[in-house]
Amino acid sequence: MRKAAVVLLAALLAAACSDPPRPPAFDDARALADAATAATTSSGSAKFGTDVAVGSVRSKGQGQARFGAGGTAQVMTTDFLGEPMELRAVGGKLYAKVPEGSRDEVGAGKPWIVVAAAGTDPFSQVLGGNLTQLTTQNDPAHTLGEIRTAGTIVAAERGQLNGVPAEHYRVDLDLARLGPDLPAGLPPDAAAGKFPVELWLDDAHRPLQIVLDLSPILPGAEARITTRYSDWGTPVDVQPPPAGEVG
């Protein structure tokens, strides 16, 4: 009994003398965004997956991206239209692979078309804004820039995400401080109120997951965008389509 008591006392003393858990690295949204942006750029590349649930729209996508001082380039496949569609955002242009049955109508018979939010071609007029916003949300630099401009950290903790050590931050974004650059294609009349963004960072401050919950400013509709990042720093193949295949 005496030996057991000594062992228990020693364990209690060891626990009492052990270092307390480290707090999360950041308590300021600007410092958080700056560090995560720098880590993203220095890592150079990552793979990603995205889930979109906004009103009646449900879609999933996956792809890979290259990050650098010149911006983000990415390729992805999404089921945004109910069937797989490949998108490539490279060199400031967004390319969409047109469904085979529509190529003569919108792509001069070519597999690819350049899509623009303000484009005058039929494909861009119908889908340009949505597809542009979809690829923008995959770029962590975009959300991190919004956090830097209009974010306030309201909670932070250390833990795990899918078994990986992570810092978890909850940030409130103030739409009034964002100006005209509203997230996820929100209309200008939505520029009031706040909504939460959740951000998980790995030990190198690289994003593991970003969740935008727009439901508080879109009453009556689920509005949630989740993007997950993995395989940071691994080689990726991100190229524009061959010029001869673009209509």
Protein backbone atom coordinates (compact mmCIF):
# COMPACT_ATOMS: atom_id res chain seq x y z
CA MET A 1 0.00 0.00 0.00
CA ARG A 2 2.81 2.39 0.96
CA LYS A 3 4.60 1.72 -2.34
CA ALA A 4 1.40 2.36 -4.32
CA ALA A 5 0.84 5.61 -2.46
CA VAL A 6 4.38 6.75 -3.21
CA VAL A 7 3.95 5.96 -6.90
CA LEU A 8 0.64 7.85 -7.01
CA LEU A 9 2.15 10.86 -5.23
CA ALA A 10 5.07 10.91 -7.64
CA ALA A 11 2.69 10.84 -10.60
CA LEU A 12 0.64 13.71 -9.19
CA LEU A 13 3.75 15.77 -8.55
CA ALA A 14 5.02 15.11 -12.06
CA ALA A 15 1.71 16.21 -13.53
CA ALA A 16 1.69 19.34 -11.41
CA CYS A 17 5.21 20.26 -12.49
CA SER A 18 4.72 19.54 -16.21
CA ASP A 19 4.48 22.41 -18.63
CA PRO A 20 0.93 23.67 -19.32
CA PRO A 21 -0.41 23.24 -22.85
CA ARG A 22 0.92 25.85 -25.24
CA PRO A 23 -1.65 28.44 -26.26
CA PRO A 24 -2.41 28.95 -29.96
CA ALA A 25 0.20 31.03 -31.76
CA PHE A 26 -2.04 33.98 -32.65
CA ASP A 27 -4.55 36.22 -30.93
CA ASP A 28 -4.65 38.85 -33.67
CA ALA A 29 -6.37 38.25 -37.01
CA ARG A 30 -3.86 40.29 -39.00
CA ALA A 31 -0.88 38.34 -37.63
CA LEU A 32 -2.74 35.06 -38.20
CA ALA A 33 -3.49 35.91 -41.83
CA ASP A 34 0.03 37.17 -42.54
CA ALA A 35 1.67 34.03 -41.13
CA ALA A 36 -0.67 31.64 -42.94
CA THR A 37 -0.26 33.53 -46.21
CA ALA A 38 3.53 33.41 -45.95
CA ALA A 39 3.43 29.69 -45.13
CA THR A 40 1.13 29.02 -48.09
CA THR A 41 3.40 30.86 -50.51
CA SER A 42 6.62 29.31 -49.22
CA SER A 43 5.18 25.78 -49.42
CA GLY A 44 4.49 26.28 -53.10
CA SER A 45 1.74 23.74 -53.74
CA ALA A 46 -1.00 21.59 -52.27
CA LYS A 47 -3.94 19.37 -53.13
CA PHE A 48 -7.45 20.39 -52.13
CA GLY A 49 -11.04 19.22 -51.89
CA THR A 50 -14.09 21.42 -51.57
CA ASP A 51 -17.72 20.97 -50.51
CA VAL A 52 -20.24 23.69 -51.36
CA ALA A 53 -23.74 23.89 -49.91
CA VAL A 54 -25.40 27.22 -50.68
CA GLY A 55 -29.17 27.19 -50.84
CA SER A 56 -30.18 24.49 -53.31
CA VAL A 57 -26.67 24.25 -54.79
CA ARG A 58 -24.64 21.23 -53.72
CA SER A 59 -21.31 20.42 -55.26
CA LYS A 60 -18.00 18.74 -54.55
CA GLY A 61 -14.65 19.31 -56.16
CA GLN A 62 -11.04 18.29 -55.94
CA GLY A 63 -7.82 19.49 -57.47
CA GLN A 64 -4.32 20.77 -57.00
CA ALA A 65 -2.87 24.25 -56.81
CA ARG A 66 0.43 26.08 -57.15
CA PHE A 67 1.05 29.11 -54.93
CA GLY A 68 3.56 31.90 -55.37
CA ALA A 69 4.18 35.62 -55.29
CA GLY A 70 2.57 35.90 -58.73
CA GLY A 71 -0.72 34.42 -57.51
CA THR A 72 -2.41 31.04 -57.44
CA ALA A 73 -2.83 28.60 -60.33
CA GLN A 74 -5.07 25.57 -60.01
CA VAL A 75 -6.75 22.71 -61.81
CA MET A 76 -9.86 21.07 -60.45
CA THR A 77 -12.78 18.83 -61.28
CA THR A 78 -16.21 19.76 -59.93
CA ASP A 79 -19.74 18.43 -60.23
CA PHE A 80 -21.15 21.97 -60.08
CA LEU A 81 -23.45 21.30 -63.06
CA GLY A 82 -24.39 17.80 -61.95
CA GLU A 83 -21.69 16.14 -64.04
CA PRO A 84 -17.89 16.32 -63.88
CA MET A 85 -16.38 19.53 -65.25
CA GLU A 86 -12.69 20.38 -65.39
CA LEU A 87 -11.56 23.93 -64.62
CA ARG A 88 -8.09 25.44 -64.91
CA ALA A 89 -7.19 28.85 -63.52
CA VAL A 90 -3.75 29.75 -64.84
CA GLY A 91 -2.07 33.04 -65.75
CA GLY A 92 -5.05 35.16 -64.80
CA LYS A 93 -7.46 33.21 -67.03
CA LEU A 94 -10.12 30.66 -66.13
CA TYR A 95 -10.64 27.80 -68.58
CA ALA A 96 -13.61 25.42 -68.53
CA LYS A 97 -13.82 22.16 -70.43
CA VAL A 98 -17.10 22.33 -72.31
CA PRO A 99 -19.38 19.26 -72.34
CA GLU A 100 -18.97 17.52 -75.66
CA GLY A 101 -22.56 18.10 -76.77
CA SER A 102 -22.25 21.88 -76.33
CA ARG A 103 -18.89 22.51 -77.96
CA ASP A 104 -20.20 23.59 -81.35
CA GLU A 105 -22.54 26.06 -79.68
CA VAL A 106 -20.20 27.77 -77.17
CA GLY A 107 -16.65 26.69 -77.97
CA ALA A 108 -16.38 26.71 -81.76
CA GLY A 109 -16.05 22.95 -81.56
CA LYS A 110 -13.03 23.19 -79.26
CA PRO A 111 -12.88 21.33 -75.92
CA TRP A 112 -12.01 24.42 -73.83
CA ILE A 113 -13.35 27.94 -73.46
CA VAL A 114 -12.10 30.97 -71.54
CA VAL A 115 -14.66 31.91 -68.88
CA ALA A 116 -14.97 35.38 -67.35
CA ALA A 117 -17.34 36.77 -64.74
CA ALA A 118 -18.11 39.72 -67.05
CA GLY A 119 -17.73 37.75 -70.30
CA THR A 120 -20.16 38.32 -73.17
CA ASP A 121 -20.18 34.77 -74.53
CA PRO A 122 -23.22 32.63 -73.61
CA PHE A 123 -21.22 30.29 -71.36
CA SER A 124 -19.74 33.16 -69.33
CA GLN A 125 -23.06 34.97 -69.11
CA VAL A 126 -24.71 31.94 -67.53
CA LEU A 127 -21.88 30.48 -65.46
CA GLY A 128 -18.96 32.89 -65.50
CA GLY A 129 -19.65 34.48 -62.12
CA ASN A 130 -20.32 31.20 -60.36
CA LEU A 131 -17.28 29.38 -61.76
CA THR A 132 -14.99 32.33 -61.07
CA GLN A 133 -16.19 32.49 -57.48
CA LEU A 134 -15.80 28.73 -57.11
CA THR A 135 -12.11 28.82 -58.05
CA THR A 136 -11.54 31.95 -55.96
CA GLN A 137 -12.79 30.19 -52.84
CA ASN A 138 -10.25 27.40 -53.39
CA ASP A 139 -7.43 29.92 -53.04
CA PRO A 140 -6.54 30.27 -49.33
CA ALA A 141 -4.93 33.65 -50.03
CA HIS A 142 -8.38 35.06 -50.83
CA THR A 143 -9.96 34.10 -47.51
CA LEU A 144 -6.81 34.97 -45.59
CA GLY A 145 -6.89 38.42 -47.17
CA GLU A 146 -10.48 38.86 -45.98
CA ILE A 147 -9.47 37.76 -42.48
CA ARG A 148 -6.61 40.27 -42.50
CA THR A 149 -8.93 43.11 -43.58
CA ALA A 150 -12.09 42.41 -41.63
CA GLY A 151 -11.51 39.56 -39.18
CA THR A 152 -11.59 39.31 -35.40
CA ILE A 153 -10.46 36.13 -33.64
CA VAL A 154 -13.19 35.08 -31.21
CA ALA A 155 -11.86 31.63 -30.20
CA ALA A 156 -8.66 29.64 -30.59
CA GLU A 157 -7.43 26.28 -29.38
CA ARG A 158 -4.86 23.59 -30.05
CA GLY A 159 -6.12 20.15 -30.98
CA GLN A 160 -6.24 17.79 -33.94
CA LEU A 161 -7.95 17.61 -37.29
CA ASN A 162 -8.29 14.09 -38.70
CA GLY A 163 -5.44 12.94 -36.48
CA VAL A 164 -3.11 15.80 -37.42
CA PRO A 165 -2.03 18.35 -34.79
CA ALA A 166 -3.73 21.64 -35.61
CA GLU A 167 -4.50 25.11 -34.33
CA HIS A 168 -8.19 25.85 -34.67
CA TYR A 169 -9.33 29.47 -35.00
CA ARG A 170 -12.83 30.90 -35.20
CA VAL A 171 -12.88 34.31 -36.81
CA ASP A 172 -15.79 36.69 -37.25
CA LEU A 173 -15.73 38.55 -40.58
CA ASP A 174 -17.35 41.99 -40.59
CA LEU A 175 -18.88 42.51 -44.03
CA ALA A 176 -18.97 46.28 -43.60
CA ARG A 177 -15.16 46.30 -43.40
CA LEU A 178 -14.73 44.27 -46.58
CA GLY A 179 -16.10 46.91 -48.92
CA PRO A 180 -17.21 45.68 -52.34
CA ASP A 181 -15.11 42.49 -52.21
CA LEU A 182 -17.74 40.23 -50.68
CA PRO A 183 -17.05 36.49 -50.29
CA ALA A 184 -18.73 33.65 -52.14
CA GLY A 185 -20.48 35.91 -54.63
CA LEU A 186 -22.68 37.65 -52.06
CA PRO A 187 -24.74 40.51 -53.53
CA PRO A 188 -23.93 44.11 -52.48
CA ASP A 189 -27.11 44.34 -50.37
CA ALA A 190 -25.68 41.61 -48.11
CA ALA A 191 -22.91 43.94 -46.91
CA ALA A 192 -24.08 44.05 -43.30
CA GLY A 193 -23.53 41.87 -40.29
CA LYS A 194 -20.91 39.25 -39.51
CA PHE A 195 -20.38 35.60 -40.27
CA PRO A 196 -17.92 33.03 -38.90
CA VAL A 197 -14.91 31.57 -40.64
CA GLU A 198 -13.18 28.55 -39.10
CA LEU A 199 -9.55 27.97 -39.90
CA TRP A 200 -7.32 25.02 -39.03
CA LEU A 201 -3.53 25.42 -39.42
CA ASP A 202 -0.82 22.80 -39.18
CA ASP A 203 2.39 23.26 -37.18
CA ALA A 204 3.93 25.22 -40.07
CA HIS A 205 0.88 27.57 -40.16
CA ARG A 206 -0.35 26.12 -43.46
CA PRO A 207 -4.14 25.81 -43.86
CA LEU A 208 -5.55 22.33 -43.34
CA GLN A 209 -9.21 23.34 -43.56
CA ILE A 210 -11.22 26.53 -44.05
CA VAL A 211 -14.97 26.69 -43.44
CA LEU A 212 -17.11 29.71 -44.38
CA ASP A 213 -20.55 29.67 -42.76
CA LEU A 214 -22.68 32.27 -44.51
CA SER A 215 -25.93 31.10 -42.91
CA PRO A 216 -26.10 34.01 -40.38
CA ILE A 217 -26.39 36.54 -43.21
CA LEU A 218 -28.59 34.39 -45.47
CA PRO A 219 -31.53 33.56 -43.17
CA GLY A 220 -33.48 30.45 -44.02
CA ALA A 221 -30.80 28.95 -46.23
CA GLU A 222 -27.86 26.72 -45.47
CA ALA A 223 -24.75 28.36 -46.83
CA ARG A 224 -21.49 26.63 -46.05
CA ILE A 225 -18.26 26.26 -48.02
CA THR A 226 -15.59 23.84 -46.79
CA THR A 227 -12.14 23.55 -48.35
CA ARG A 228 -9.55 21.01 -47.20
CA TYR A 229 -5.84 21.12 -48.04
CA SER A 230 -3.27 18.32 -47.99
CA ASP A 231 0.08 17.19 -49.40
CA TRP A 232 1.69 20.59 -48.97
CA GLY A 233 4.86 21.02 -51.00
CA THR A 234 4.36 17.96 -53.22
CA PRO A 235 4.83 18.43 -56.99
CA VAL A 236 1.69 19.39 -58.92
CA ASP A 237 0.93 19.66 -62.63
CA VAL A 238 -0.93 22.91 -63.26
CA GLN A 239 -0.89 24.02 -66.90
CA PRO A 240 -3.27 25.89 -69.21
CA PRO A 241 -4.97 23.82 -71.92
CA PRO A 242 -3.11 23.56 -75.24
CA ALA A 243 -3.75 26.76 -77.20
CA GLY A 244 -5.16 24.81 -80.15
CA GLU A 245 -7.88 23.31 -77.94
CA VAL A 246 -9.26 26.64 -76.70
CA GLY A 247 -12.24 28.08 -78.59
